[in-house]
mmCIF file of all heavy atoms, coordinates in Angstrom:
data_MODEL
# 
_entry.id   MODEL 
# 
loop_
_atom_site.group_PDB 
_atom_site.id 
_atom_site.type_symbol 
_atom_site.label_atom_id 
_atom_site.label_alt_id 
_atom_site.label_comp_id 
_atom_site.label_asym_id 
_atom_site.label_entity_id 
_atom_site.label_seq_id 
_atom_site.pdbx_PDB_ins_code 
_atom_site.Cartn_x 
_atom_site.Cartn_y 
_atom_site.Cartn_z 
_atom_site.occupancy 
_atom_site.B_iso_or_equiv 
_atom_site.pdbx_formal_charge 
_atom_site.auth_seq_id 
_atom_site.auth_comp_id 
_atom_site.auth_asym_id 
_atom_site.auth_atom_id 
_atom_site.pdbx_PDB_model_num 
ATOM 1   N N   . THR A 1 1  ? 81.264 96.070  -28.452 1.00 0.00 ? 1  THR A N   1 
ATOM 2   C CA  . THR A 1 1  ? 79.852 95.680  -28.476 1.00 0.00 ? 1  THR A CA  1 
ATOM 3   C C   . THR A 1 1  ? 79.809 94.168  -28.665 1.00 0.00 ? 1  THR A C   1 
ATOM 4   O O   . THR A 1 1  ? 79.870 93.673  -29.796 1.00 0.00 ? 1  THR A O   1 
ATOM 5   C CB  . THR A 1 1  ? 79.104 96.381  -29.619 1.00 0.00 ? 1  THR A CB  1 
ATOM 6   O OG1 . THR A 1 1  ? 79.330 97.797  -29.546 1.00 0.00 ? 1  THR A OG1 1 
ATOM 7   C CG2 . THR A 1 1  ? 77.613 96.111  -29.535 1.00 0.00 ? 1  THR A CG2 1 
ATOM 8   N N   . PRO A 1 2  ? 79.748 93.397  -27.581 1.00 0.00 ? 2  PRO A N   1 
ATOM 9   C CA  . PRO A 1 2  ? 79.883 91.939  -27.668 1.00 0.00 ? 2  PRO A CA  1 
ATOM 10  C C   . PRO A 1 2  ? 78.909 91.263  -28.633 1.00 0.00 ? 2  PRO A C   1 
ATOM 11  O O   . PRO A 1 2  ? 79.272 90.268  -29.272 1.00 0.00 ? 2  PRO A O   1 
ATOM 12  C CB  . PRO A 1 2  ? 79.642 91.488  -26.226 1.00 0.00 ? 2  PRO A CB  1 
ATOM 13  C CG  . PRO A 1 2  ? 80.079 92.645  -25.386 1.00 0.00 ? 2  PRO A CG  1 
ATOM 14  C CD  . PRO A 1 2  ? 79.664 93.861  -26.177 1.00 0.00 ? 2  PRO A CD  1 
ATOM 15  N N   . GLU A 1 3  ? 77.691 91.806  -28.767 1.00 0.00 ? 3  GLU A N   1 
ATOM 16  C CA  . GLU A 1 3  ? 76.717 91.173  -29.661 1.00 0.00 ? 3  GLU A CA  1 
ATOM 17  C C   . GLU A 1 3  ? 77.241 91.077  -31.092 1.00 0.00 ? 3  GLU A C   1 
ATOM 18  O O   . GLU A 1 3  ? 76.872 90.174  -31.849 1.00 0.00 ? 3  GLU A O   1 
ATOM 19  C CB  . GLU A 1 3  ? 75.409 91.965  -29.676 1.00 0.00 ? 3  GLU A CB  1 
ATOM 20  C CG  . GLU A 1 3  ? 74.826 92.321  -28.332 1.00 0.00 ? 3  GLU A CG  1 
ATOM 21  C CD  . GLU A 1 3  ? 75.413 93.606  -27.758 1.00 0.00 ? 3  GLU A CD  1 
ATOM 22  O OE1 . GLU A 1 3  ? 75.023 94.710  -28.203 1.00 0.00 ? 3  GLU A OE1 1 
ATOM 23  O OE2 . GLU A 1 3  ? 76.259 93.493  -26.857 1.00 0.00 ? 3  GLU A OE2 1 
ATOM 24  N N   . LYS A 1 4  ? 78.101 92.016  -31.481 1.00 0.00 ? 4  LYS A N   1 
ATOM 25  C CA  . LYS A 1 4  ? 78.596 92.050  -32.854 1.00 0.00 ? 4  LYS A CA  1 
ATOM 26  C C   . LYS A 1 4  ? 79.637 90.961  -33.131 1.00 0.00 ? 4  LYS A C   1 
ATOM 27  O O   . LYS A 1 4  ? 80.024 90.764  -34.283 1.00 0.00 ? 4  LYS A O   1 
ATOM 28  C CB  . LYS A 1 4  ? 79.180 93.428  -33.169 1.00 0.00 ? 4  LYS A CB  1 
ATOM 29  C CG  . LYS A 1 4  ? 78.145 94.546  -33.180 1.00 0.00 ? 4  LYS A CG  1 
ATOM 30  C CD  . LYS A 1 4  ? 78.761 95.877  -33.564 1.00 0.00 ? 4  LYS A CD  1 
ATOM 31  C CE  . LYS A 1 4  ? 77.710 96.981  -33.628 1.00 0.00 ? 4  LYS A CE  1 
ATOM 32  N NZ  . LYS A 1 4  ? 78.296 98.299  -33.993 1.00 0.00 ? 4  LYS A NZ  1 
ATOM 33  N N   . ALA A 1 5  ? 80.082 90.268  -32.080 1.00 0.00 ? 5  ALA A N   1 
ATOM 34  C CA  . ALA A 1 5  ? 81.068 89.210  -32.263 1.00 0.00 ? 5  ALA A CA  1 
ATOM 35  C C   . ALA A 1 5  ? 80.485 87.816  -32.045 1.00 0.00 ? 5  ALA A C   1 
ATOM 36  O O   . ALA A 1 5  ? 81.196 86.820  -32.168 1.00 0.00 ? 5  ALA A O   1 
ATOM 37  C CB  . ALA A 1 5  ? 82.253 89.435  -31.321 1.00 0.00 ? 5  ALA A CB  1 
ATOM 38  N N   . GLN A 1 6  ? 79.206 87.735  -31.739 1.00 0.00 ? 6  GLN A N   1 
ATOM 39  C CA  . GLN A 1 6  ? 78.599 86.439  -31.435 1.00 0.00 ? 6  GLN A CA  1 
ATOM 40  C C   . GLN A 1 6  ? 78.657 85.467  -32.614 1.00 0.00 ? 6  GLN A C   1 
ATOM 41  O O   . GLN A 1 6  ? 78.727 84.248  -32.429 1.00 0.00 ? 6  GLN A O   1 
ATOM 42  C CB  . GLN A 1 6  ? 77.151 86.641  -30.986 1.00 0.00 ? 6  GLN A CB  1 
ATOM 43  C CG  . GLN A 1 6  ? 76.979 87.404  -29.684 1.00 0.00 ? 6  GLN A CG  1 
ATOM 44  C CD  . GLN A 1 6  ? 77.531 86.646  -28.474 1.00 0.00 ? 6  GLN A CD  1 
ATOM 45  O OE1 . GLN A 1 6  ? 77.703 85.432  -28.524 1.00 0.00 ? 6  GLN A OE1 1 
ATOM 46  N NE2 . GLN A 1 6  ? 77.799 87.369  -27.386 1.00 0.00 ? 6  GLN A NE2 1 
ATOM 47  N N   . HIS A 1 7  ? 78.640 86.003  -33.833 1.00 0.00 ? 7  HIS A N   1 
ATOM 48  C CA  . HIS A 1 7  ? 78.617 85.147  -35.017 1.00 0.00 ? 7  HIS A CA  1 
ATOM 49  C C   . HIS A 1 7  ? 79.921 84.384  -35.224 1.00 0.00 ? 7  HIS A C   1 
ATOM 50  O O   . HIS A 1 7  ? 79.973 83.451  -36.035 1.00 0.00 ? 7  HIS A O   1 
ATOM 51  C CB  . HIS A 1 7  ? 78.353 85.999  -36.259 1.00 0.00 ? 7  HIS A CB  1 
ATOM 52  C CG  . HIS A 1 7  ? 79.485 86.930  -36.605 1.00 0.00 ? 7  HIS A CG  1 
ATOM 53  N ND1 . HIS A 1 7  ? 79.727 88.097  -35.906 1.00 0.00 ? 7  HIS A ND1 1 
ATOM 54  C CD2 . HIS A 1 7  ? 80.459 86.846  -37.557 1.00 0.00 ? 7  HIS A CD2 1 
ATOM 55  C CE1 . HIS A 1 7  ? 80.783 88.702  -36.412 1.00 0.00 ? 7  HIS A CE1 1 
ATOM 56  N NE2 . HIS A 1 7  ? 81.249 87.966  -37.413 1.00 0.00 ? 7  HIS A NE2 1 
ATOM 57  N N   . LEU A 1 8  ? 80.974 84.729  -34.480 1.00 0.00 ? 8  LEU A N   1 
ATOM 58  C CA  . LEU A 1 8  ? 82.271 84.097  -34.673 1.00 0.00 ? 8  LEU A CA  1 
ATOM 59  C C   . LEU A 1 8  ? 82.326 82.684  -34.104 1.00 0.00 ? 8  LEU A C   1 
ATOM 60  O O   . LEU A 1 8  ? 83.230 81.917  -34.431 1.00 0.00 ? 8  LEU A O   1 
ATOM 61  C CB  . LEU A 1 8  ? 83.371 84.962  -34.048 1.00 0.00 ? 8  LEU A CB  1 
ATOM 62  C CG  . LEU A 1 8  ? 83.582 86.333  -34.704 1.00 0.00 ? 8  LEU A CG  1 
ATOM 63  C CD1 . LEU A 1 8  ? 84.556 87.171  -33.889 1.00 0.00 ? 8  LEU A CD1 1 
ATOM 64  C CD2 . LEU A 1 8  ? 84.093 86.167  -36.138 1.00 0.00 ? 8  LEU A CD2 1 
ATOM 65  N N   . GLY A 1 9  ? 81.389 82.342  -33.231 1.00 0.00 ? 9  GLY A N   1 
ATOM 66  C CA  . GLY A 1 9  ? 81.325 80.994  -32.700 1.00 0.00 ? 9  GLY A CA  1 
ATOM 67  C C   . GLY A 1 9  ? 82.361 80.678  -31.647 1.00 0.00 ? 9  GLY A C   1 
ATOM 68  O O   . GLY A 1 9  ? 82.729 79.507  -31.465 1.00 0.00 ? 9  GLY A O   1 
ATOM 69  N N   . VAL A 1 10 ? 82.836 81.702  -30.943 1.00 0.00 ? 10 VAL A N   1 
ATOM 70  C CA  . VAL A 1 10 ? 83.794 81.510  -29.855 1.00 0.00 ? 10 VAL A CA  1 
ATOM 71  C C   . VAL A 1 10 ? 83.278 82.245  -28.619 1.00 0.00 ? 10 VAL A C   1 
ATOM 72  O O   . VAL A 1 10 ? 82.276 82.982  -28.682 1.00 0.00 ? 10 VAL A O   1 
ATOM 73  C CB  . VAL A 1 10 ? 85.191 82.046  -30.234 1.00 0.00 ? 10 VAL A CB  1 
ATOM 74  C CG1 . VAL A 1 10 ? 85.745 81.308  -31.435 1.00 0.00 ? 10 VAL A CG1 1 
ATOM 75  C CG2 . VAL A 1 10 ? 85.161 83.560  -30.498 1.00 0.00 ? 10 VAL A CG2 1 
ATOM 76  N N   . GLU A 1 11 ? 83.959 82.063  -27.491 1.00 0.00 ? 11 GLU A N   1 
ATOM 77  C CA  . GLU A 1 11 ? 83.584 82.818  -26.296 1.00 0.00 ? 11 GLU A CA  1 
ATOM 78  C C   . GLU A 1 11 ? 83.775 84.308  -26.550 1.00 0.00 ? 11 GLU A C   1 
ATOM 79  O O   . GLU A 1 11 ? 84.780 84.731  -27.128 1.00 0.00 ? 11 GLU A O   1 
ATOM 80  C CB  . GLU A 1 11 ? 84.448 82.390  -25.105 1.00 0.00 ? 11 GLU A CB  1 
ATOM 81  C CG  . GLU A 1 11 ? 84.106 83.150  -23.821 1.00 0.00 ? 11 GLU A CG  1 
ATOM 82  C CD  . GLU A 1 11 ? 85.007 82.817  -22.650 1.00 0.00 ? 11 GLU A CD  1 
ATOM 83  O OE1 . GLU A 1 11 ? 85.849 81.884  -22.773 1.00 0.00 ? 11 GLU A OE1 1 
ATOM 84  O OE2 . GLU A 1 11 ? 84.892 83.496  -21.612 1.00 0.00 ? 11 GLU A OE2 1 
ATOM 85  N N   . VAL A 1 12 ? 82.806 85.113  -26.128 1.00 0.00 ? 12 VAL A N   1 
ATOM 86  C CA  . VAL A 1 12 ? 82.865 86.556  -26.340 1.00 0.00 ? 12 VAL A CA  1 
ATOM 87  C C   . VAL A 1 12 ? 82.846 87.265  -24.994 1.00 0.00 ? 12 VAL A C   1 
ATOM 88  O O   . VAL A 1 12 ? 82.043 86.938  -24.114 1.00 0.00 ? 12 VAL A O   1 
ATOM 89  C CB  . VAL A 1 12 ? 81.682 87.048  -27.209 1.00 0.00 ? 12 VAL A CB  1 
ATOM 90  C CG1 . VAL A 1 12 ? 81.756 88.564  -27.397 1.00 0.00 ? 12 VAL A CG1 1 
ATOM 91  C CG2 . VAL A 1 12 ? 81.684 86.348  -28.562 1.00 0.00 ? 12 VAL A CG2 1 
ATOM 92  N N   . ARG A 1 13 ? 83.745 88.231  -24.837 1.00 0.00 ? 13 ARG A N   1 
ATOM 93  C CA  . ARG A 1 13 ? 83.798 89.056  -23.637 1.00 0.00 ? 13 ARG A CA  1 
ATOM 94  C C   . ARG A 1 13 ? 83.855 90.523  -24.046 1.00 0.00 ? 13 ARG A C   1 
ATOM 95  O O   . ARG A 1 13 ? 84.341 90.855  -25.138 1.00 0.00 ? 13 ARG A O   1 
ATOM 96  C CB  . ARG A 1 13 ? 85.043 88.713  -22.792 1.00 0.00 ? 13 ARG A CB  1 
ATOM 97  C CG  . ARG A 1 13 ? 85.117 87.275  -22.307 1.00 0.00 ? 13 ARG A CG  1 
ATOM 98  C CD  . ARG A 1 13 ? 86.395 87.027  -21.506 1.00 0.00 ? 13 ARG A CD  1 
ATOM 99  N NE  . ARG A 1 13 ? 86.551 85.624  -21.127 1.00 0.00 ? 13 ARG A NE  1 
ATOM 100 C CZ  . ARG A 1 13 ? 87.599 85.132  -20.474 1.00 0.00 ? 13 ARG A CZ  1 
ATOM 101 N NH1 . ARG A 1 13 ? 88.606 85.946  -20.118 1.00 0.00 ? 13 ARG A NH1 1 
ATOM 102 N NH2 . ARG A 1 13 ? 87.670 83.850  -20.181 1.00 0.00 ? 13 ARG A NH2 1 
ATOM 103 N N   . PRO A 1 14 ? 83.365 91.430  -23.180 1.00 0.00 ? 14 PRO A N   1 
ATOM 104 C CA  . PRO A 1 14 ? 83.435 92.861  -23.512 1.00 0.00 ? 14 PRO A CA  1 
ATOM 105 C C   . PRO A 1 14 ? 84.883 93.354  -23.516 1.00 0.00 ? 14 PRO A C   1 
ATOM 106 O O   . PRO A 1 14 ? 85.698 92.899  -22.720 1.00 0.00 ? 14 PRO A O   1 
ATOM 107 C CB  . PRO A 1 14 ? 82.622 93.528  -22.403 1.00 0.00 ? 14 PRO A CB  1 
ATOM 108 C CG  . PRO A 1 14 ? 82.646 92.552  -21.271 1.00 0.00 ? 14 PRO A CG  1 
ATOM 109 C CD  . PRO A 1 14 ? 82.694 91.194  -21.886 1.00 0.00 ? 14 PRO A CD  1 
ATOM 110 N N   . GLY A 1 15 ? 85.181 94.280  -24.427 1.00 0.00 ? 15 GLY A N   1 
ATOM 111 C CA  . GLY A 1 15 ? 86.554 94.765  -24.523 1.00 0.00 ? 15 GLY A CA  1 
ATOM 112 C C   . GLY A 1 15 ? 86.642 96.180  -25.047 1.00 0.00 ? 15 GLY A C   1 
ATOM 113 O O   . GLY A 1 15 ? 87.071 96.430  -26.178 1.00 0.00 ? 15 GLY A O   1 
ATOM 114 N N   . ASP A 1 16 ? 86.216 97.137  -24.215 1.00 0.00 ? 16 ASP A N   1 
ATOM 115 C CA  . ASP A 1 16 ? 86.259 98.560  -24.578 1.00 0.00 ? 16 ASP A CA  1 
ATOM 116 C C   . ASP A 1 16 ? 87.617 99.131  -24.190 1.00 0.00 ? 16 ASP A C   1 
ATOM 117 O O   . ASP A 1 16 ? 87.991 99.113  -23.020 1.00 0.00 ? 16 ASP A O   1 
ATOM 118 C CB  . ASP A 1 16 ? 85.139 99.306  -23.858 1.00 0.00 ? 16 ASP A CB  1 
ATOM 119 C CG  . ASP A 1 16 ? 84.982 100.745 -24.317 1.00 0.00 ? 16 ASP A CG  1 
ATOM 120 O OD1 . ASP A 1 16 ? 85.975 101.350 -24.772 1.00 0.00 ? 16 ASP A OD1 1 
ATOM 121 O OD2 . ASP A 1 16 ? 83.864 101.290 -24.203 1.00 0.00 ? 16 ASP A OD2 1 
ATOM 122 N N   . TYR A 1 17 ? 88.365 99.639  -25.161 1.00 0.00 ? 17 TYR A N   1 
ATOM 123 C CA  . TYR A 1 17 ? 89.700 100.183 -24.895 1.00 0.00 ? 17 TYR A CA  1 
ATOM 124 C C   . TYR A 1 17 ? 89.686 101.337 -23.891 1.00 0.00 ? 17 TYR A C   1 
ATOM 125 O O   . TYR A 1 17 ? 90.729 101.658 -23.310 1.00 0.00 ? 17 TYR A O   1 
ATOM 126 C CB  . TYR A 1 17 ? 90.339 100.675 -26.192 1.00 0.00 ? 17 TYR A CB  1 
ATOM 127 C CG  . TYR A 1 17 ? 90.745 99.599  -27.179 1.00 0.00 ? 17 TYR A CG  1 
ATOM 128 C CD1 . TYR A 1 17 ? 90.498 98.251  -26.947 1.00 0.00 ? 17 TYR A CD1 1 
ATOM 129 C CD2 . TYR A 1 17 ? 91.393 99.942  -28.364 1.00 0.00 ? 17 TYR A CD2 1 
ATOM 130 C CE1 . TYR A 1 17 ? 90.878 97.278  -27.852 1.00 0.00 ? 17 TYR A CE1 1 
ATOM 131 C CE2 . TYR A 1 17 ? 91.780 98.971  -29.287 1.00 0.00 ? 17 TYR A CE2 1 
ATOM 132 C CZ  . TYR A 1 17 ? 91.519 97.647  -29.025 1.00 0.00 ? 17 TYR A CZ  1 
ATOM 133 O OH  . TYR A 1 17 ? 91.904 96.685  -29.939 1.00 0.00 ? 17 TYR A OH  1 
ATOM 134 N N   . ASN A 1 18 ? 88.535 101.958 -23.707 1.00 0.00 ? 18 ASN A N   1 
ATOM 135 C CA  . ASN A 1 18 ? 88.430 103.088 -22.784 1.00 0.00 ? 18 ASN A CA  1 
ATOM 136 C C   . ASN A 1 18 ? 88.023 102.682 -21.373 1.00 0.00 ? 18 ASN A C   1 
ATOM 137 O O   . ASN A 1 18 ? 87.839 103.557 -20.523 1.00 0.00 ? 18 ASN A O   1 
ATOM 138 C CB  . ASN A 1 18 ? 87.414 104.105 -23.322 1.00 0.00 ? 18 ASN A CB  1 
ATOM 139 C CG  . ASN A 1 18 ? 87.894 104.799 -24.579 1.00 0.00 ? 18 ASN A CG  1 
ATOM 140 O OD1 . ASN A 1 18 ? 88.962 105.393 -24.613 1.00 0.00 ? 18 ASN A OD1 1 
ATOM 141 N ND2 . ASN A 1 18 ? 87.099 104.711 -25.644 1.00 0.00 ? 18 ASN A ND2 1 
ATOM 142 N N   . ASP A 1 19 ? 87.900 101.383 -21.121 1.00 0.00 ? 19 ASP A N   1 
ATOM 143 C CA  . ASP A 1 19 ? 87.405 100.898 -19.829 1.00 0.00 ? 19 ASP A CA  1 
ATOM 144 C C   . ASP A 1 19 ? 88.412 99.934  -19.204 1.00 0.00 ? 19 ASP A C   1 
ATOM 145 O O   . ASP A 1 19 ? 88.317 98.717  -19.370 1.00 0.00 ? 19 ASP A O   1 
ATOM 146 C CB  . ASP A 1 19 ? 86.056 100.202 -20.033 1.00 0.00 ? 19 ASP A CB  1 
ATOM 147 C CG  . ASP A 1 19 ? 85.335 99.921  -18.721 1.00 0.00 ? 19 ASP A CG  1 
ATOM 148 O OD1 . ASP A 1 19 ? 86.014 99.802  -17.681 1.00 0.00 ? 19 ASP A OD1 1 
ATOM 149 O OD2 . ASP A 1 19 ? 84.093 99.803  -18.745 1.00 0.00 ? 19 ASP A OD2 1 
ATOM 150 N N   . PRO A 1 20 ? 89.406 100.461 -18.464 1.00 0.00 ? 20 PRO A N   1 
ATOM 151 C CA  . PRO A 1 20 ? 90.454 99.605  -17.890 1.00 0.00 ? 20 PRO A CA  1 
ATOM 152 C C   . PRO A 1 20 ? 89.926 98.504  -16.976 1.00 0.00 ? 20 PRO A C   1 
ATOM 153 O O   . PRO A 1 20 ? 90.431 97.367  -17.013 1.00 0.00 ? 20 PRO A O   1 
ATOM 154 C CB  . PRO A 1 20 ? 91.330 100.592 -17.107 1.00 0.00 ? 20 PRO A CB  1 
ATOM 155 C CG  . PRO A 1 20 ? 91.103 101.907 -17.775 1.00 0.00 ? 20 PRO A CG  1 
ATOM 156 C CD  . PRO A 1 20 ? 89.667 101.893 -18.204 1.00 0.00 ? 20 PRO A CD  1 
ATOM 157 N N   . ALA A 1 21 ? 88.926 98.812  -16.157 1.00 0.00 ? 21 ALA A N   1 
ATOM 158 C CA  . ALA A 1 21 ? 88.393 97.813  -15.232 1.00 0.00 ? 21 ALA A CA  1 
ATOM 159 C C   . ALA A 1 21 ? 87.744 96.663  -16.000 1.00 0.00 ? 21 ALA A C   1 
ATOM 160 O O   . ALA A 1 21 ? 87.910 95.480  -15.657 1.00 0.00 ? 21 ALA A O   1 
ATOM 161 C CB  . ALA A 1 21 ? 87.391 98.448  -14.279 1.00 0.00 ? 21 ALA A CB  1 
ATOM 162 N N   . GLN A 1 22 ? 87.003 96.998  -17.031 1.00 0.00 ? 22 GLN A N   1 
ATOM 163 C CA  . GLN A 1 22 ? 86.374 95.973  -17.858 1.00 0.00 ? 22 GLN A CA  1 
ATOM 164 C C   . GLN A 1 22 ? 87.431 95.124  -18.558 1.00 0.00 ? 22 GLN A C   1 
ATOM 165 O O   . GLN A 1 22 ? 87.318 93.893  -18.623 1.00 0.00 ? 22 GLN A O   1 
ATOM 166 C CB  . GLN A 1 22 ? 85.467 96.630  -18.900 1.00 0.00 ? 22 GLN A CB  1 
ATOM 167 C CG  . GLN A 1 22 ? 84.747 95.662  -19.824 1.00 0.00 ? 22 GLN A CG  1 
ATOM 168 C CD  . GLN A 1 22 ? 84.117 96.378  -21.000 1.00 0.00 ? 22 GLN A CD  1 
ATOM 169 O OE1 . GLN A 1 22 ? 84.774 96.627  -22.006 1.00 0.00 ? 22 GLN A OE1 1 
ATOM 170 N NE2 . GLN A 1 22 ? 82.834 96.730  -20.858 1.00 0.00 ? 22 GLN A NE2 1 
ATOM 171 N N   . LEU A 1 23 ? 88.464 95.762  -19.068 1.00 0.00 ? 23 LEU A N   1 
ATOM 172 C CA  . LEU A 1 23 ? 89.536 95.038  -19.751 1.00 0.00 ? 23 LEU A CA  1 
ATOM 173 C C   . LEU A 1 23 ? 90.219 94.064  -18.804 1.00 0.00 ? 23 LEU A C   1 
ATOM 174 O O   . LEU A 1 23 ? 90.499 92.914  -19.175 1.00 0.00 ? 23 LEU A O   1 
ATOM 175 C CB  . LEU A 1 23 ? 90.560 96.020  -20.322 1.00 0.00 ? 23 LEU A CB  1 
ATOM 176 C CG  . LEU A 1 23 ? 90.103 96.863  -21.520 1.00 0.00 ? 23 LEU A CG  1 
ATOM 177 C CD1 . LEU A 1 23 ? 91.079 98.013  -21.753 1.00 0.00 ? 23 LEU A CD1 1 
ATOM 178 C CD2 . LEU A 1 23 ? 89.989 95.994  -22.771 1.00 0.00 ? 23 LEU A CD2 1 
ATOM 179 N N   . LEU A 1 24 ? 90.481 94.507  -17.581 1.00 0.00 ? 24 LEU A N   1 
ATOM 180 C CA  . LEU A 1 24 ? 91.135 93.639  -16.601 1.00 0.00 ? 24 LEU A CA  1 
ATOM 181 C C   . LEU A 1 24 ? 90.295 92.395  -16.338 1.00 0.00 ? 24 LEU A C   1 
ATOM 182 O O   . LEU A 1 24 ? 90.814 91.273  -16.303 1.00 0.00 ? 24 LEU A O   1 
ATOM 183 C CB  . LEU A 1 24 ? 91.370 94.412  -15.302 1.00 0.00 ? 24 LEU A CB  1 
ATOM 184 C CG  . LEU A 1 24 ? 92.002 93.623  -14.155 1.00 0.00 ? 24 LEU A CG  1 
ATOM 185 C CD1 . LEU A 1 24 ? 93.357 93.060  -14.562 1.00 0.00 ? 24 LEU A CD1 1 
ATOM 186 C CD2 . LEU A 1 24 ? 92.131 94.506  -12.922 1.00 0.00 ? 24 LEU A CD2 1 
ATOM 187 N N   . GLN A 1 25 ? 89.000 92.575  -16.178 1.00 0.00 ? 25 GLN A N   1 
ATOM 188 C CA  . GLN A 1 25 ? 88.111 91.439  -15.931 1.00 0.00 ? 25 GLN A CA  1 
ATOM 189 C C   . GLN A 1 25 ? 88.059 90.504  -17.150 1.00 0.00 ? 25 GLN A C   1 
ATOM 190 O O   . GLN A 1 25 ? 88.096 89.277  -17.011 1.00 0.00 ? 25 GLN A O   1 
ATOM 191 C CB  . GLN A 1 25 ? 86.710 91.937  -15.584 1.00 0.00 ? 25 GLN A CB  1 
ATOM 192 C CG  . GLN A 1 25 ? 85.729 90.822  -15.249 1.00 0.00 ? 25 GLN A CG  1 
ATOM 193 C CD  . GLN A 1 25 ? 84.380 91.373  -14.780 1.00 0.00 ? 25 GLN A CD  1 
ATOM 194 O OE1 . GLN A 1 25 ? 84.165 92.577  -14.762 1.00 0.00 ? 25 GLN A OE1 1 
ATOM 195 N NE2 . GLN A 1 25 ? 83.485 90.489  -14.403 1.00 0.00 ? 25 GLN A NE2 1 
ATOM 196 N N   . SER A 1 26 ? 87.986 91.093  -18.333 1.00 0.00 ? 26 SER A N   1 
ATOM 197 C CA  . SER A 1 26 ? 87.845 90.279  -19.543 1.00 0.00 ? 26 SER A CA  1 
ATOM 198 C C   . SER A 1 26 ? 89.123 89.528  -19.902 1.00 0.00 ? 26 SER A C   1 
ATOM 199 O O   . SER A 1 26 ? 89.073 88.517  -20.611 1.00 0.00 ? 26 SER A O   1 
ATOM 200 C CB  . SER A 1 26 ? 87.417 91.161  -20.725 1.00 0.00 ? 26 SER A CB  1 
ATOM 201 O OG  . SER A 1 26 ? 86.085 91.614  -20.554 1.00 0.00 ? 26 SER A OG  1 
# 
């Protein structure tokens, strides 16, 4: 859930372990 990492102050990308296509892109 990328919104939950926005407070870290770095670039945020989606990273669902169950989504290989998304992981490859990210």
